[in-house]
N, C-alpha and C. Protein backbone atom coordinates (compact mmCIF):
# COMPACT_ATOMS: atom_id res chain seq x y z
N UNK A 1 -13.95 61.41 -58.40
CA UNK A 1 -12.53 61.44 -58.18
C UNK A 1 -12.27 61.27 -56.69
N UNK A 2 -11.46 60.34 -56.32
CA UNK A 2 -11.17 60.06 -54.92
C UNK A 2 -10.18 61.08 -54.37
N UNK A 3 -10.41 61.45 -53.13
CA UNK A 3 -9.46 62.36 -52.47
C UNK A 3 -8.71 61.57 -51.40
N UNK A 4 -7.46 61.93 -51.23
CA UNK A 4 -6.63 61.23 -50.25
C UNK A 4 -6.97 61.73 -48.86
N UNK A 5 -7.16 60.79 -47.93
CA UNK A 5 -7.48 61.12 -46.56
C UNK A 5 -6.23 60.91 -45.73
N UNK A 6 -5.90 61.90 -44.94
CA UNK A 6 -4.72 61.79 -44.10
C UNK A 6 -5.15 61.36 -42.71
N UNK A 7 -4.78 60.14 -42.34
CA UNK A 7 -5.15 59.63 -41.03
C UNK A 7 -4.34 60.34 -39.96
N UNK A 8 -4.99 60.68 -38.88
CA UNK A 8 -4.33 61.41 -37.79
C UNK A 8 -3.66 60.44 -36.83
N UNK A 9 -2.63 60.94 -36.15
CA UNK A 9 -2.01 60.15 -35.08
C UNK A 9 -2.95 60.17 -33.89
N UNK A 10 -2.67 59.34 -32.92
CA UNK A 10 -3.51 59.24 -31.72
C UNK A 10 -3.60 60.60 -31.02
N UNK A 11 -2.48 61.26 -30.82
CA UNK A 11 -2.47 62.55 -30.12
C UNK A 11 -3.17 63.64 -30.93
N UNK A 12 -2.97 63.65 -32.25
CA UNK A 12 -3.65 64.63 -33.11
C UNK A 12 -5.16 64.42 -33.07
N UNK A 13 -5.58 63.16 -33.11
CA UNK A 13 -7.01 62.84 -33.06
C UNK A 13 -7.61 63.27 -31.73
N UNK A 14 -6.92 62.99 -30.63
CA UNK A 14 -7.42 63.37 -29.31
C UNK A 14 -7.58 64.89 -29.22
N UNK A 15 -6.61 65.63 -29.72
CA UNK A 15 -6.68 67.09 -29.68
C UNK A 15 -7.83 67.60 -30.54
N UNK A 16 -8.00 67.04 -31.74
CA UNK A 16 -9.07 67.46 -32.63
C UNK A 16 -10.42 67.20 -31.97
N UNK A 17 -10.59 66.04 -31.36
CA UNK A 17 -11.86 65.70 -30.72
C UNK A 17 -12.15 66.64 -29.55
N UNK A 18 -11.16 66.95 -28.75
CA UNK A 18 -11.35 67.91 -27.64
C UNK A 18 -11.76 69.28 -28.18
N UNK A 19 -11.07 69.73 -29.23
CA UNK A 19 -11.34 71.04 -29.81
C UNK A 19 -12.73 71.15 -30.43
N UNK A 20 -13.33 70.03 -30.79
CA UNK A 20 -14.63 70.03 -31.45
C UNK A 20 -15.76 69.54 -30.53
N UNK A 21 -15.56 69.64 -29.23
CA UNK A 21 -16.66 69.44 -28.28
C UNK A 21 -16.94 68.02 -27.84
N UNK A 22 -16.07 67.08 -28.13
CA UNK A 22 -16.27 65.72 -27.66
C UNK A 22 -15.84 65.62 -26.20
N UNK A 23 -16.60 64.91 -25.38
CA UNK A 23 -16.19 64.60 -24.02
C UNK A 23 -15.35 63.33 -24.09
N UNK A 24 -14.14 63.37 -23.55
CA UNK A 24 -13.24 62.22 -23.57
C UNK A 24 -13.14 61.65 -22.15
N UNK A 25 -13.41 60.36 -22.02
CA UNK A 25 -13.35 59.70 -20.72
C UNK A 25 -12.41 58.51 -20.84
N UNK A 26 -11.35 58.52 -20.08
CA UNK A 26 -10.39 57.41 -20.09
C UNK A 26 -11.09 56.14 -19.60
N UNK A 27 -10.90 55.04 -20.30
CA UNK A 27 -11.49 53.76 -19.89
C UNK A 27 -10.75 53.26 -18.65
N UNK A 28 -11.47 52.90 -17.60
CA UNK A 28 -10.81 52.43 -16.38
C UNK A 28 -10.07 51.12 -16.60
N UNK A 29 -8.88 51.03 -16.04
CA UNK A 29 -8.11 49.79 -16.10
C UNK A 29 -7.37 49.53 -17.40
N UNK A 30 -7.45 50.45 -18.35
CA UNK A 30 -6.76 50.26 -19.63
C UNK A 30 -5.98 51.53 -19.96
N UNK A 31 -5.01 51.36 -20.80
CA UNK A 31 -4.24 52.51 -21.24
C UNK A 31 -4.40 52.66 -22.75
N UNK A 32 -4.63 53.87 -23.20
CA UNK A 32 -4.78 54.11 -24.62
C UNK A 32 -6.17 53.83 -25.15
N UNK A 33 -7.16 53.66 -24.27
CA UNK A 33 -8.55 53.44 -24.70
C UNK A 33 -9.40 54.55 -24.09
N UNK A 34 -10.19 55.22 -24.95
CA UNK A 34 -10.96 56.38 -24.53
C UNK A 34 -12.40 56.26 -25.03
N UNK A 35 -13.36 56.59 -24.16
CA UNK A 35 -14.76 56.69 -24.56
C UNK A 35 -15.04 58.12 -24.95
N UNK A 36 -15.75 58.30 -26.06
CA UNK A 36 -16.10 59.62 -26.58
C UNK A 36 -17.60 59.82 -26.43
N UNK A 37 -18.00 61.04 -26.16
CA UNK A 37 -19.42 61.32 -25.98
C UNK A 37 -19.74 62.69 -26.56
N UNK A 38 -20.83 62.75 -27.33
CA UNK A 38 -21.34 64.00 -27.89
C UNK A 38 -22.71 63.70 -28.48
N UNK A 39 -23.63 64.64 -28.42
CA UNK A 39 -25.00 64.49 -28.93
C UNK A 39 -25.73 63.29 -28.29
N UNK A 40 -25.38 62.91 -27.07
CA UNK A 40 -25.92 61.75 -26.37
C UNK A 40 -25.59 60.45 -27.12
N UNK A 41 -24.52 60.46 -27.88
CA UNK A 41 -24.00 59.29 -28.56
C UNK A 41 -22.62 59.00 -28.00
N UNK A 42 -22.17 57.78 -28.16
CA UNK A 42 -20.86 57.42 -27.63
C UNK A 42 -20.20 56.36 -28.52
N UNK A 43 -18.88 56.31 -28.41
CA UNK A 43 -18.06 55.31 -29.09
C UNK A 43 -16.77 55.20 -28.29
N UNK A 44 -15.98 54.21 -28.59
CA UNK A 44 -14.69 54.06 -27.92
C UNK A 44 -13.61 53.92 -28.97
N UNK A 45 -12.49 54.60 -28.74
CA UNK A 45 -11.34 54.46 -29.62
C UNK A 45 -10.16 53.98 -28.80
N UNK A 46 -9.19 53.43 -29.48
CA UNK A 46 -7.98 53.01 -28.78
C UNK A 46 -6.77 53.24 -29.65
N UNK A 47 -5.65 53.35 -28.97
CA UNK A 47 -4.37 53.51 -29.65
C UNK A 47 -4.05 52.19 -30.33
N UNK A 48 -3.70 52.26 -31.59
CA UNK A 48 -3.44 51.05 -32.36
C UNK A 48 -1.99 51.07 -32.82
N UNK A 49 -1.21 50.12 -32.35
CA UNK A 49 0.19 50.07 -32.76
C UNK A 49 0.97 51.21 -32.17
N UNK A 50 1.87 51.76 -32.96
CA UNK A 50 2.77 52.80 -32.46
C UNK A 50 2.04 54.11 -32.18
N UNK A 51 1.32 54.65 -33.17
CA UNK A 51 0.68 55.94 -32.93
C UNK A 51 -0.59 56.15 -33.75
N UNK A 52 -1.16 55.10 -34.30
CA UNK A 52 -2.41 55.27 -35.04
C UNK A 52 -3.59 55.03 -34.07
N UNK A 53 -4.78 55.25 -34.57
CA UNK A 53 -5.97 55.12 -33.74
C UNK A 53 -7.01 54.31 -34.49
N UNK A 54 -7.80 53.50 -33.76
CA UNK A 54 -8.88 52.75 -34.39
C UNK A 54 -10.10 52.78 -33.49
N UNK A 55 -11.26 52.56 -34.10
CA UNK A 55 -12.51 52.53 -33.35
C UNK A 55 -12.62 51.17 -32.67
N UNK A 56 -12.80 51.19 -31.36
CA UNK A 56 -12.91 49.96 -30.57
C UNK A 56 -14.38 49.56 -30.40
N UNK A 57 -15.23 50.51 -30.04
CA UNK A 57 -16.67 50.25 -29.90
C UNK A 57 -17.40 51.12 -30.92
N UNK A 58 -18.17 50.49 -31.77
CA UNK A 58 -18.91 51.17 -32.83
C UNK A 58 -19.83 52.24 -32.24
N UNK A 59 -19.98 53.40 -32.89
CA UNK A 59 -20.83 54.45 -32.35
C UNK A 59 -22.28 54.00 -32.16
N UNK A 60 -22.87 54.46 -31.05
CA UNK A 60 -24.26 54.14 -30.75
C UNK A 60 -24.86 55.21 -29.87
N UNK A 61 -26.18 55.25 -29.84
CA UNK A 61 -26.89 56.21 -29.01
C UNK A 61 -26.88 55.70 -27.57
N UNK A 62 -26.73 56.60 -26.61
CA UNK A 62 -26.69 56.20 -25.21
C UNK A 62 -28.10 56.03 -24.66
N UNK A 63 -28.37 54.85 -24.12
CA UNK A 63 -29.64 54.56 -23.47
C UNK A 63 -29.32 53.99 -22.10
N UNK A 64 -29.75 54.69 -21.07
CA UNK A 64 -29.48 54.31 -19.67
C UNK A 64 -27.99 54.09 -19.44
N UNK A 65 -27.16 54.93 -20.03
CA UNK A 65 -25.71 54.86 -19.84
C UNK A 65 -25.02 53.77 -20.62
N UNK A 66 -25.73 53.07 -21.48
CA UNK A 66 -25.15 51.98 -22.28
C UNK A 66 -25.18 52.35 -23.76
N UNK A 67 -24.11 52.02 -24.48
CA UNK A 67 -24.07 52.28 -25.92
C UNK A 67 -24.97 51.27 -26.61
N UNK A 68 -25.96 51.77 -27.33
CA UNK A 68 -26.90 50.88 -28.02
C UNK A 68 -26.36 50.46 -29.38
N UNK A 69 -26.92 49.40 -29.89
CA UNK A 69 -26.60 48.89 -31.22
C UNK A 69 -27.80 49.19 -32.11
N UNK A 70 -27.56 49.73 -33.29
CA UNK A 70 -28.65 50.04 -34.21
C UNK A 70 -28.99 48.79 -35.01
N UNK A 71 -30.25 48.38 -34.94
CA UNK A 71 -30.73 47.18 -35.62
C UNK A 71 -31.83 47.59 -36.58
N UNK A 72 -31.74 47.16 -37.83
CA UNK A 72 -32.73 47.47 -38.84
C UNK A 72 -33.58 46.23 -39.09
N UNK A 73 -34.89 46.34 -38.82
CA UNK A 73 -35.80 45.22 -39.03
C UNK A 73 -36.66 45.42 -40.27
N UNK A 74 -36.23 46.29 -41.17
CA UNK A 74 -36.93 46.51 -42.43
C UNK A 74 -38.03 47.53 -42.31
N UNK A 75 -38.94 47.34 -41.40
CA UNK A 75 -40.06 48.24 -41.23
C UNK A 75 -39.74 49.34 -40.21
N UNK A 76 -38.68 49.16 -39.41
CA UNK A 76 -38.33 50.11 -38.35
C UNK A 76 -36.90 49.85 -37.91
N UNK A 77 -36.19 50.91 -37.51
CA UNK A 77 -34.88 50.75 -36.90
C UNK A 77 -35.04 50.84 -35.40
N UNK A 78 -34.24 50.05 -34.68
CA UNK A 78 -34.33 49.99 -33.23
C UNK A 78 -32.95 50.22 -32.63
N UNK A 79 -32.94 50.79 -31.42
CA UNK A 79 -31.73 50.93 -30.63
C UNK A 79 -31.79 49.84 -29.57
N UNK A 80 -30.84 48.92 -29.63
CA UNK A 80 -30.88 47.75 -28.77
C UNK A 80 -29.70 47.76 -27.79
N UNK A 81 -30.00 47.58 -26.51
CA UNK A 81 -28.98 47.43 -25.49
C UNK A 81 -29.11 46.02 -24.92
N UNK A 82 -28.33 45.71 -23.91
CA UNK A 82 -28.41 44.38 -23.32
C UNK A 82 -29.71 44.18 -22.55
N UNK A 83 -30.40 45.28 -22.20
CA UNK A 83 -31.59 45.17 -21.37
C UNK A 83 -32.89 45.57 -22.08
N UNK A 84 -32.79 46.35 -23.14
CA UNK A 84 -34.01 46.83 -23.78
C UNK A 84 -33.80 47.11 -25.26
N UNK A 85 -34.94 47.27 -25.94
CA UNK A 85 -34.94 47.62 -27.35
C UNK A 85 -35.95 48.74 -27.53
N UNK A 86 -35.50 49.87 -28.10
CA UNK A 86 -36.33 51.06 -28.23
C UNK A 86 -36.41 51.44 -29.70
N UNK A 87 -37.61 51.77 -30.22
CA UNK A 87 -37.69 52.25 -31.60
C UNK A 87 -36.87 53.52 -31.77
N UNK A 88 -36.07 53.58 -32.83
CA UNK A 88 -35.23 54.74 -33.10
C UNK A 88 -36.07 55.84 -33.75
N UNK A 89 -35.96 57.04 -33.21
CA UNK A 89 -36.68 58.18 -33.78
C UNK A 89 -35.76 58.91 -34.76
N UNK A 90 -36.33 59.84 -35.48
CA UNK A 90 -35.53 60.64 -36.42
C UNK A 90 -34.46 61.42 -35.68
N UNK A 91 -34.76 61.91 -34.48
CA UNK A 91 -33.77 62.65 -33.70
C UNK A 91 -32.61 61.75 -33.28
N UNK A 92 -32.91 60.51 -32.88
CA UNK A 92 -31.85 59.55 -32.54
C UNK A 92 -30.93 59.33 -33.73
N UNK A 93 -31.52 59.06 -34.89
CA UNK A 93 -30.75 58.75 -36.09
C UNK A 93 -29.93 59.94 -36.57
N UNK A 94 -30.51 61.14 -36.48
CA UNK A 94 -29.78 62.34 -36.89
C UNK A 94 -28.57 62.57 -35.99
N UNK A 95 -28.75 62.42 -34.67
CA UNK A 95 -27.64 62.60 -33.73
C UNK A 95 -26.56 61.56 -33.97
N UNK A 96 -26.97 60.32 -34.19
CA UNK A 96 -26.01 59.24 -34.41
C UNK A 96 -25.23 59.43 -35.71
N UNK A 97 -25.91 59.88 -36.75
CA UNK A 97 -25.25 60.12 -38.03
C UNK A 97 -24.26 61.28 -37.92
N UNK A 98 -24.65 62.35 -37.25
CA UNK A 98 -23.78 63.51 -37.07
C UNK A 98 -22.55 63.13 -36.23
N UNK A 99 -22.77 62.38 -35.17
CA UNK A 99 -21.67 61.93 -34.31
C UNK A 99 -20.67 61.09 -35.10
N UNK A 100 -21.18 60.15 -35.87
CA UNK A 100 -20.32 59.25 -36.65
C UNK A 100 -19.50 60.02 -37.68
N UNK A 101 -20.13 60.97 -38.38
CA UNK A 101 -19.42 61.77 -39.38
C UNK A 101 -18.31 62.58 -38.73
N UNK A 102 -18.60 63.21 -37.61
CA UNK A 102 -17.59 64.02 -36.92
C UNK A 102 -16.47 63.14 -36.37
N UNK A 103 -16.81 61.97 -35.87
CA UNK A 103 -15.80 61.06 -35.35
C UNK A 103 -14.85 60.63 -36.46
N UNK A 104 -15.39 60.27 -37.61
CA UNK A 104 -14.54 59.86 -38.74
C UNK A 104 -13.65 61.01 -39.20
N UNK A 105 -14.19 62.20 -39.22
CA UNK A 105 -13.37 63.36 -39.60
C UNK A 105 -12.24 63.56 -38.60
N UNK A 106 -12.56 63.43 -37.33
CA UNK A 106 -11.55 63.63 -36.29
C UNK A 106 -10.45 62.59 -36.32
N UNK A 107 -10.79 61.36 -36.69
CA UNK A 107 -9.80 60.29 -36.74
C UNK A 107 -9.08 60.23 -38.08
N UNK A 108 -9.60 60.97 -39.06
CA UNK A 108 -9.00 60.94 -40.39
C UNK A 108 -9.37 59.69 -41.15
N UNK A 109 -10.55 59.14 -40.87
CA UNK A 109 -11.03 57.94 -41.56
C UNK A 109 -11.90 58.33 -42.74
N UNK A 110 -11.98 57.50 -43.76
CA UNK A 110 -12.82 57.85 -44.92
C UNK A 110 -14.30 57.81 -44.56
N UNK A 111 -15.05 58.71 -45.16
CA UNK A 111 -16.50 58.74 -45.00
C UNK A 111 -17.09 58.22 -46.30
N UNK A 112 -17.74 57.09 -46.24
CA UNK A 112 -18.27 56.45 -47.44
C UNK A 112 -19.61 57.05 -47.84
N UNK A 113 -19.88 57.05 -49.14
CA UNK A 113 -21.08 57.69 -49.68
C UNK A 113 -22.34 57.12 -49.07
N UNK A 114 -22.48 55.78 -49.01
CA UNK A 114 -23.71 55.19 -48.50
C UNK A 114 -23.89 55.49 -47.01
N UNK A 115 -22.81 55.69 -46.28
CA UNK A 115 -22.93 56.03 -44.87
C UNK A 115 -23.31 57.50 -44.69
N UNK A 116 -22.90 58.36 -45.61
CA UNK A 116 -23.22 59.78 -45.48
C UNK A 116 -24.68 60.07 -45.81
N UNK A 117 -25.35 59.15 -46.50
CA UNK A 117 -26.76 59.34 -46.82
C UNK A 117 -27.65 59.20 -45.60
N UNK A 118 -27.19 58.47 -44.61
CA UNK A 118 -27.98 58.25 -43.41
C UNK A 118 -27.28 57.28 -42.51
N UNK A 119 -27.94 56.90 -41.46
CA UNK A 119 -27.34 56.02 -40.48
C UNK A 119 -27.33 54.59 -40.98
N UNK A 120 -26.20 53.93 -40.83
CA UNK A 120 -26.03 52.55 -41.27
C UNK A 120 -26.13 51.64 -40.04
N UNK A 121 -26.95 50.62 -40.14
CA UNK A 121 -27.16 49.70 -39.03
C UNK A 121 -26.06 48.65 -38.99
N UNK A 122 -25.84 48.09 -37.81
CA UNK A 122 -24.90 46.99 -37.66
C UNK A 122 -25.55 45.68 -38.05
N UNK A 123 -26.88 45.62 -38.00
CA UNK A 123 -27.59 44.37 -38.22
C UNK A 123 -28.86 44.64 -39.02
N UNK A 124 -29.14 43.80 -40.00
CA UNK A 124 -30.32 43.93 -40.83
C UNK A 124 -31.15 42.65 -40.74
N UNK A 125 -32.46 42.80 -40.48
CA UNK A 125 -33.36 41.66 -40.37
C UNK A 125 -34.64 41.96 -41.14
N UNK A 126 -34.54 42.12 -42.45
CA UNK A 126 -35.69 42.50 -43.25
C UNK A 126 -36.80 41.46 -43.24
N UNK A 127 -36.44 40.19 -43.23
CA UNK A 127 -37.47 39.17 -43.33
C UNK A 127 -37.97 38.70 -41.96
N UNK A 128 -37.42 39.25 -40.91
CA UNK A 128 -37.85 38.97 -39.54
C UNK A 128 -37.73 37.51 -39.15
N UNK A 129 -36.83 36.78 -39.78
CA UNK A 129 -36.62 35.38 -39.42
C UNK A 129 -35.66 35.32 -38.24
N UNK A 130 -36.15 34.79 -37.14
CA UNK A 130 -35.35 34.73 -35.93
C UNK A 130 -34.22 33.71 -36.11
N UNK A 131 -33.06 34.00 -35.55
CA UNK A 131 -31.90 33.12 -35.51
C UNK A 131 -31.20 32.94 -36.86
N UNK A 132 -31.49 33.74 -37.86
CA UNK A 132 -30.84 33.54 -39.15
C UNK A 132 -29.37 33.93 -39.12
N UNK A 133 -28.96 34.71 -38.11
CA UNK A 133 -27.55 35.10 -37.99
C UNK A 133 -26.71 34.01 -37.35
N UNK A 134 -27.34 32.99 -36.81
CA UNK A 134 -26.61 31.89 -36.18
C UNK A 134 -25.95 31.01 -37.26
N UNK A 135 -24.96 30.26 -36.85
CA UNK A 135 -24.33 29.29 -37.76
C UNK A 135 -25.38 28.25 -38.13
N UNK A 136 -25.35 27.71 -39.35
CA UNK A 136 -26.38 26.76 -39.78
C UNK A 136 -26.57 25.57 -38.83
N UNK A 137 -25.51 25.08 -38.23
CA UNK A 137 -25.64 23.94 -37.32
C UNK A 137 -26.36 24.32 -36.02
N UNK A 138 -26.31 25.59 -35.64
CA UNK A 138 -26.90 26.04 -34.38
C UNK A 138 -28.33 26.55 -34.55
N UNK A 139 -28.79 26.72 -35.79
CA UNK A 139 -30.14 27.24 -36.02
C UNK A 139 -31.18 26.18 -35.68
N UNK A 140 -32.31 26.60 -35.12
CA UNK A 140 -33.39 25.62 -34.92
C UNK A 140 -33.97 25.22 -36.28
N UNK A 141 -34.48 24.02 -36.37
CA UNK A 141 -35.07 23.55 -37.64
C UNK A 141 -36.33 24.34 -37.94
N UNK A 142 -36.48 24.75 -39.18
CA UNK A 142 -37.66 25.47 -39.64
C UNK A 142 -38.75 24.45 -39.96
N UNK A 143 -40.02 24.87 -39.94
CA UNK A 143 -41.11 23.91 -40.21
C UNK A 143 -40.96 23.20 -41.55
N UNK A 144 -40.51 23.90 -42.60
CA UNK A 144 -40.36 23.27 -43.91
C UNK A 144 -39.19 22.29 -43.92
N UNK A 145 -38.18 22.54 -43.08
CA UNK A 145 -37.07 21.59 -42.98
C UNK A 145 -37.51 20.33 -42.26
N UNK A 146 -38.33 20.49 -41.22
CA UNK A 146 -38.86 19.33 -40.49
C UNK A 146 -39.76 18.51 -41.39
N UNK A 147 -40.63 19.19 -42.16
CA UNK A 147 -41.55 18.49 -43.05
C UNK A 147 -40.78 17.75 -44.13
N UNK A 148 -39.72 18.36 -44.65
CA UNK A 148 -38.90 17.71 -45.68
C UNK A 148 -38.19 16.49 -45.14
N UNK A 149 -37.69 16.57 -43.90
CA UNK A 149 -37.01 15.43 -43.29
C UNK A 149 -37.98 14.30 -43.03
N UNK A 150 -39.21 14.61 -42.58
CA UNK A 150 -40.22 13.59 -42.32
C UNK A 150 -40.65 12.92 -43.63
N UNK A 151 -40.80 13.71 -44.69
CA UNK A 151 -41.19 13.15 -45.99
C UNK A 151 -40.10 12.24 -46.52
N UNK A 152 -38.85 12.63 -46.36
CA UNK A 152 -37.74 11.81 -46.83
C UNK A 152 -37.67 10.50 -46.04
N UNK A 153 -37.89 10.53 -44.73
CA UNK A 153 -37.85 9.30 -43.94
C UNK A 153 -39.04 8.41 -44.27
N UNK A 154 -40.19 8.99 -44.56
CA UNK A 154 -41.36 8.21 -44.92
C UNK A 154 -41.12 7.52 -46.27
N UNK A 155 -40.46 8.16 -47.19
CA UNK A 155 -40.16 7.58 -48.50
C UNK A 155 -39.20 6.41 -48.34
N UNK A 156 -38.20 6.56 -47.48
CA UNK A 156 -37.24 5.48 -47.25
C UNK A 156 -37.91 4.27 -46.61
N UNK A 157 -38.85 4.48 -45.68
CA UNK A 157 -39.56 3.39 -45.00
C UNK A 157 -40.45 2.63 -45.98
N UNK A 158 -41.11 3.37 -46.90
CA UNK A 158 -42.02 2.72 -47.84
C UNK A 158 -41.25 1.90 -48.88
N UNK A 159 -40.02 2.24 -49.17
CA UNK A 159 -39.22 1.49 -50.12
C UNK A 159 -38.64 0.23 -49.49
N UNK A 160 -38.52 0.22 -48.18
CA UNK A 160 -37.90 -0.93 -47.51
C UNK A 160 -38.82 -2.10 -47.38
């Protein structure tokens, strides 16, 4: 049975987050955008429209002061920043999951069942194929695609 979630206003959310131990840091040069920090994890929220709130930067573990992106490669989860990629430990994942659950509660957002079971990655690469997230026209040709193109051109030449 679904329960109705009451989304908080921007001011209510800010007060709830302060009351529950989140560090709030105003984003420089912007108004209505705040970075949140707790459990060595961080995310950014912003005022959306008249008085609602939305997540601007997806929650991630802080590595060298940068919010990391959680990447799942099938055999291991990694915390990836612009400069490095670190294997995610159980402590990293537990802190990130706890942070995300508390953030959603504070903002009045729904907590989905599959997300409550554990940490959900932004990116999945189970087959470890590089560049598969690129648009098809931008992907490099795979060996089987090159072989197929060569075989097709050889067939056309032999018919001519």
